[in-house]
Each structure stands twice: as structure tokens, then as C-alpha cells.
N, C-alpha and C. Protein backbone atom coordinates (compact mmCIF):
# COMPACT_ATOMS: atom_id res chain seq x y z
N MET A 1 126.25 97.26 92.24
CA MET A 1 124.83 97.04 92.43
C MET A 1 124.47 95.71 91.75
N SER A 2 123.78 94.88 92.49
CA SER A 2 123.39 93.58 91.93
C SER A 2 122.22 93.77 90.96
N SER A 3 122.01 92.76 90.13
CA SER A 3 120.92 92.86 89.15
C SER A 3 119.56 92.87 89.85
N LYS A 4 119.47 92.17 90.99
CA LYS A 4 118.21 92.15 91.74
C LYS A 4 117.88 93.55 92.25
N GLU A 5 118.88 94.22 92.78
CA GLU A 5 118.67 95.58 93.28
C GLU A 5 118.33 96.53 92.13
N TYR A 6 119.03 96.36 91.00
CA TYR A 6 118.80 97.20 89.83
C TYR A 6 117.36 97.07 89.34
N PHE A 7 116.88 95.83 89.22
CA PHE A 7 115.51 95.63 88.75
C PHE A 7 114.49 96.09 89.79
N GLY A 8 114.89 96.03 91.05
CA GLY A 8 114.02 96.55 92.10
C GLY A 8 113.83 98.05 91.97
N TRP A 9 114.93 98.78 91.64
CA TRP A 9 114.82 100.22 91.43
C TRP A 9 113.99 100.54 90.21
N ILE A 10 114.13 99.74 89.16
CA ILE A 10 113.32 99.96 87.96
C ILE A 10 111.84 99.82 88.31
N LYS A 11 111.52 98.78 89.06
CA LYS A 11 110.13 98.56 89.46
C LYS A 11 109.63 99.71 90.34
N TYR A 12 110.49 100.18 91.25
CA TYR A 12 110.13 101.28 92.13
C TYR A 12 109.78 102.54 91.33
N PHE A 13 110.63 102.88 90.35
CA PHE A 13 110.40 104.09 89.58
C PHE A 13 109.26 103.95 88.58
N GLU A 14 108.85 102.72 88.26
CA GLU A 14 107.66 102.55 87.45
C GLU A 14 106.41 102.87 88.27
N LYS A 15 106.44 102.51 89.54
CA LYS A 15 105.30 102.78 90.42
C LYS A 15 105.30 104.21 90.92
N ARG A 16 106.49 104.77 91.17
CA ARG A 16 106.62 106.13 91.69
C ARG A 16 107.64 106.88 90.85
N PRO A 17 107.20 107.46 89.73
CA PRO A 17 108.13 108.16 88.85
C PRO A 17 108.80 109.35 89.54
N TYR A 18 109.98 109.64 89.08
CA TYR A 18 110.75 110.75 89.65
C TYR A 18 109.96 112.05 89.49
N GLY A 19 109.82 112.78 90.58
CA GLY A 19 109.16 114.07 90.56
C GLY A 19 107.65 114.03 90.70
N TRP A 20 107.09 112.88 91.06
CA TRP A 20 105.63 112.79 91.14
C TRP A 20 105.07 113.65 92.26
N ARG A 21 105.82 113.81 93.33
CA ARG A 21 105.31 114.63 94.45
C ARG A 21 105.19 116.10 94.03
N ASP A 22 106.19 116.59 93.32
CA ASP A 22 106.12 117.97 92.82
C ASP A 22 104.97 118.13 91.84
N ASP A 23 104.80 117.14 90.96
CA ASP A 23 103.70 117.20 90.00
C ASP A 23 102.35 117.15 90.71
N HIS A 24 102.25 116.33 91.75
CA HIS A 24 100.99 116.23 92.50
C HIS A 24 100.67 117.56 93.18
N ARG A 25 101.68 118.16 93.77
CA ARG A 25 101.50 119.46 94.44
C ARG A 25 101.06 120.52 93.42
N SER A 26 101.72 120.53 92.26
CA SER A 26 101.36 121.49 91.22
C SER A 26 99.96 121.23 90.68
N ALA A 27 99.58 119.97 90.59
CA ALA A 27 98.24 119.62 90.09
C ALA A 27 97.17 120.13 91.04
N ILE A 28 97.40 120.01 92.33
CA ILE A 28 96.43 120.49 93.31
C ILE A 28 96.28 122.01 93.20
N ILE A 29 97.40 122.70 93.06
CA ILE A 29 97.35 124.16 92.92
C ILE A 29 96.63 124.54 91.63
N ALA A 30 96.93 123.81 90.54
CA ALA A 30 96.29 124.11 89.26
C ALA A 30 94.78 123.88 89.32
N GLN A 31 94.37 122.83 90.02
CA GLN A 31 92.93 122.55 90.12
C GLN A 31 92.21 123.61 90.93
N THR A 32 92.85 124.11 91.95
CA THR A 32 92.17 125.09 92.80
C THR A 32 92.13 126.47 92.17
N THR A 33 93.07 126.78 91.28
CA THR A 33 93.11 128.12 90.69
C THR A 33 92.59 128.16 89.27
N TYR A 34 92.24 127.04 88.70
CA TYR A 34 91.81 126.98 87.30
C TYR A 34 90.43 127.60 87.15
N GLN A 35 90.27 128.49 86.18
CA GLN A 35 89.00 129.18 85.97
C GLN A 35 88.42 128.93 84.58
N GLY A 36 88.91 127.92 83.86
CA GLY A 36 88.46 127.67 82.50
C GLY A 36 87.08 127.05 82.43
N THR A 37 86.56 126.96 81.21
CA THR A 37 85.24 126.39 81.00
C THR A 37 85.28 124.87 80.90
N LYS A 38 86.37 124.32 80.40
CA LYS A 38 86.51 122.86 80.31
C LYS A 38 87.22 122.34 81.55
N PRO A 39 86.93 121.10 81.93
CA PRO A 39 87.63 120.54 83.09
C PRO A 39 89.13 120.39 82.82
N LEU A 40 89.91 120.59 83.84
CA LEU A 40 91.35 120.50 83.73
C LEU A 40 91.77 119.03 83.77
N ARG A 41 92.50 118.59 82.77
CA ARG A 41 92.95 117.20 82.70
C ARG A 41 94.37 117.10 83.26
N ILE A 42 94.43 116.79 84.53
CA ILE A 42 95.69 116.75 85.25
C ILE A 42 96.60 115.66 84.70
N LYS A 43 96.03 114.51 84.35
CA LYS A 43 96.84 113.38 83.86
C LYS A 43 97.53 113.71 82.54
N ASP A 44 96.93 114.60 81.75
CA ASP A 44 97.57 115.02 80.50
C ASP A 44 98.69 116.03 80.75
N LEU A 45 98.54 116.84 81.80
CA LEU A 45 99.55 117.84 82.12
C LEU A 45 100.79 117.23 82.77
N PHE A 46 100.58 116.20 83.59
CA PHE A 46 101.67 115.62 84.36
C PHE A 46 101.78 114.12 84.06
N PRO A 47 102.72 113.73 83.21
CA PRO A 47 102.86 112.32 82.84
C PRO A 47 103.20 111.41 84.02
N SER A 48 103.88 111.95 85.03
CA SER A 48 104.22 111.10 86.17
C SER A 48 102.97 110.66 86.92
N LEU A 49 101.97 111.53 87.01
CA LEU A 49 100.72 111.16 87.68
C LEU A 49 99.94 110.14 86.85
N LYS A 50 100.03 110.26 85.54
CA LYS A 50 99.37 109.29 84.67
C LYS A 50 100.02 107.92 84.82
N MET A 51 101.35 107.88 84.94
CA MET A 51 102.05 106.61 85.13
C MET A 51 101.64 105.96 86.44
N MET A 52 101.49 106.77 87.49
CA MET A 52 101.08 106.22 88.79
C MET A 52 99.66 105.68 88.72
N GLU A 53 98.79 106.36 88.01
CA GLU A 53 97.41 105.90 87.87
C GLU A 53 97.37 104.57 87.12
N ASN A 54 98.16 104.46 86.06
CA ASN A 54 98.22 103.21 85.30
C ASN A 54 98.78 102.08 86.15
N SER A 55 99.79 102.38 86.97
CA SER A 55 100.36 101.38 87.86
C SER A 55 99.34 100.89 88.86
N ASN A 56 98.54 101.83 89.41
CA ASN A 56 97.50 101.46 90.37
C ASN A 56 96.43 100.59 89.72
N LYS A 57 96.07 100.91 88.47
CA LYS A 57 95.08 100.09 87.77
C LYS A 57 95.61 98.68 87.54
N ASP A 58 96.89 98.57 87.18
CA ASP A 58 97.50 97.25 86.98
C ASP A 58 97.48 96.44 88.27
N ASN A 59 97.79 97.09 89.40
CA ASN A 59 97.78 96.40 90.69
C ASN A 59 96.38 95.94 91.06
N GLU A 60 95.37 96.77 90.78
CA GLU A 60 94.00 96.39 91.08
C GLU A 60 93.56 95.19 90.25
N ILE A 61 93.98 95.15 88.98
CA ILE A 61 93.65 94.02 88.11
C ILE A 61 94.30 92.75 88.65
N LYS A 62 95.57 92.85 89.06
CA LYS A 62 96.27 91.69 89.60
C LYS A 62 95.61 91.20 90.88
N LEU A 63 95.18 92.12 91.73
CA LEU A 63 94.51 91.73 92.97
C LEU A 63 93.17 91.04 92.69
N GLN A 64 92.43 91.56 91.72
CA GLN A 64 91.15 90.95 91.35
C GLN A 64 91.36 89.53 90.82
N GLU A 65 92.39 89.35 89.97
CA GLU A 65 92.68 88.04 89.42
C GLU A 65 93.09 87.07 90.52
N GLY A 66 93.92 87.53 91.44
CA GLY A 66 94.36 86.68 92.55
C GLY A 66 93.20 86.28 93.43
N LEU A 67 92.31 87.23 93.71
CA LEU A 67 91.16 86.93 94.54
C LEU A 67 90.23 85.93 93.86
N SER A 68 90.04 86.09 92.56
CA SER A 68 89.18 85.14 91.85
C SER A 68 89.80 83.75 91.83
N GLN A 69 91.12 83.66 91.74
CA GLN A 69 91.78 82.36 91.81
C GLN A 69 91.61 81.73 93.18
N LEU A 70 91.75 82.54 94.24
CA LEU A 70 91.55 82.02 95.59
C LEU A 70 90.11 81.54 95.80
N LYS A 71 89.16 82.30 95.29
CA LYS A 71 87.77 81.88 95.41
C LYS A 71 87.52 80.58 94.67
N ALA A 72 88.15 80.41 93.49
CA ALA A 72 87.98 79.18 92.73
C ALA A 72 88.57 77.99 93.49
N ILE A 73 89.73 78.19 94.10
CA ILE A 73 90.34 77.11 94.89
C ILE A 73 89.47 76.77 96.09
N ALA A 74 88.95 77.79 96.77
CA ALA A 74 88.09 77.56 97.93
C ALA A 74 86.82 76.83 97.52
N LYS A 75 86.25 77.23 96.41
CA LYS A 75 85.03 76.59 95.94
C LYS A 75 85.29 75.13 95.56
N LYS A 76 86.44 74.90 94.95
CA LYS A 76 86.83 73.54 94.55
C LYS A 76 86.98 72.63 95.77
N ASN A 77 87.48 73.20 96.86
CA ASN A 77 87.71 72.43 98.08
C ASN A 77 86.57 72.55 99.09
N ASN A 78 85.45 73.10 98.65
CA ASN A 78 84.25 73.26 99.50
C ASN A 78 84.53 74.10 100.74
N ILE A 79 85.33 75.12 100.59
CA ILE A 79 85.59 76.07 101.68
C ILE A 79 84.73 77.29 101.40
N SER A 80 83.94 77.69 102.37
CA SER A 80 82.98 78.75 102.10
C SER A 80 83.29 80.06 102.82
N PHE A 81 84.47 80.21 103.38
CA PHE A 81 84.75 81.43 104.13
C PHE A 81 84.97 82.65 103.25
N LEU A 82 85.13 82.48 101.95
CA LEU A 82 85.32 83.62 101.07
C LEU A 82 84.01 84.12 100.47
N ASP A 83 82.91 83.45 100.73
CA ASP A 83 81.63 83.87 100.18
C ASP A 83 81.15 85.14 100.85
N ASP A 84 80.40 85.93 100.12
CA ASP A 84 79.87 87.18 100.65
C ASP A 84 78.72 86.94 101.64
N ASN A 85 78.11 85.77 101.60
CA ASN A 85 76.95 85.49 102.43
C ASN A 85 77.32 85.04 103.84
N ASN A 86 78.58 84.84 104.12
CA ASN A 86 79.00 84.32 105.41
C ASN A 86 79.02 85.40 106.49
N VAL A 87 79.22 84.96 107.70
CA VAL A 87 79.26 85.83 108.86
C VAL A 87 80.55 86.65 108.81
N SER A 88 80.48 87.90 109.25
CA SER A 88 81.66 88.75 109.25
C SER A 88 82.62 88.33 110.36
N THR A 89 83.85 88.80 110.27
CA THR A 89 84.86 88.45 111.27
C THR A 89 84.50 89.03 112.64
N LYS A 90 83.84 90.20 112.67
CA LYS A 90 83.42 90.76 113.95
C LYS A 90 82.41 89.85 114.63
N GLN A 91 81.47 89.32 113.84
CA GLN A 91 80.47 88.43 114.40
C GLN A 91 81.10 87.14 114.89
N LEU A 92 82.10 86.63 114.16
CA LEU A 92 82.80 85.42 114.59
C LEU A 92 83.55 85.66 115.90
N ALA A 93 84.19 86.81 116.02
CA ALA A 93 84.91 87.15 117.24
C ALA A 93 83.95 87.26 118.42
N LYS A 94 82.76 87.82 118.17
CA LYS A 94 81.76 87.95 119.22
C LYS A 94 81.29 86.57 119.68
N LYS A 95 81.09 85.63 118.73
CA LYS A 95 80.68 84.28 119.08
C LYS A 95 81.75 83.57 119.90
N GLU A 96 83.02 83.74 119.52
CA GLU A 96 84.12 83.12 120.27
C GLU A 96 84.20 83.69 121.67
N LYS A 97 83.97 84.98 121.79
CA LYS A 97 84.02 85.63 123.10
C LYS A 97 82.89 85.09 123.98
N ASN A 98 81.71 84.91 123.42
CA ASN A 98 80.59 84.36 124.18
C ASN A 98 80.84 82.91 124.57
N ASN A 99 81.52 82.15 123.72
CA ASN A 99 81.82 80.76 124.02
C ASN A 99 82.84 80.64 125.14
N ASP A 100 83.72 81.62 125.27
CA ASP A 100 84.75 81.60 126.32
C ASP A 100 84.14 81.85 127.69
N LYS A 101 82.99 82.50 127.75
CA LYS A 101 82.36 82.83 129.05
C LYS A 101 81.79 81.65 129.68
């Protein structure tokens, strides 16, 4: 096994820990049958689900940072297609369709 493949597997198991599907299934059953007075903390019961949640949060942070960098580059180059005030892609497609007629 090459080192690239080895590190790829490490990354895979960080995002999807071994046994997470079984833990997820058990968590759903526990939530539906739980009759206690306090809310059931699934992430404390199943560490694999907590690892997946943390991985998802890390990915969301990376996506936000990347998007903010792209917006900064676009703003620097006076490109305005990333602004929220612009026309949606559906409206642009409709305009192109009307121009083709």
C-alpha cells in the first residue's frame, strides 16, 4: 500500500468512523424509545457520531473560508456575480432564452 493510499484511508476513517452506521441506527432506535425526563444526548452515547459531526463542522468552516476568499478576489477584480443582490441563474437563463428567439 502506498503512503498516498494509506493517508487516504486515514482521512476516510476520520470522516466516517468504523461502525457509524450501526451507531446511527441504534441512536434512532434509542431516540424513539427513550422515555426519560432529560433529552437524550446521542453524541455522548456514540463517539463515532460525534466524530462525524465534528468533521462536518470542519468542512463547513473550510467552505465558508473558501467562499470568503473567492468573494474577496471577485471584489478586488470588480466581478459582481458573487453578490447576493444580483440576478439569479434562473433569471439569466430566461433572459438568454428570450434573446435566442
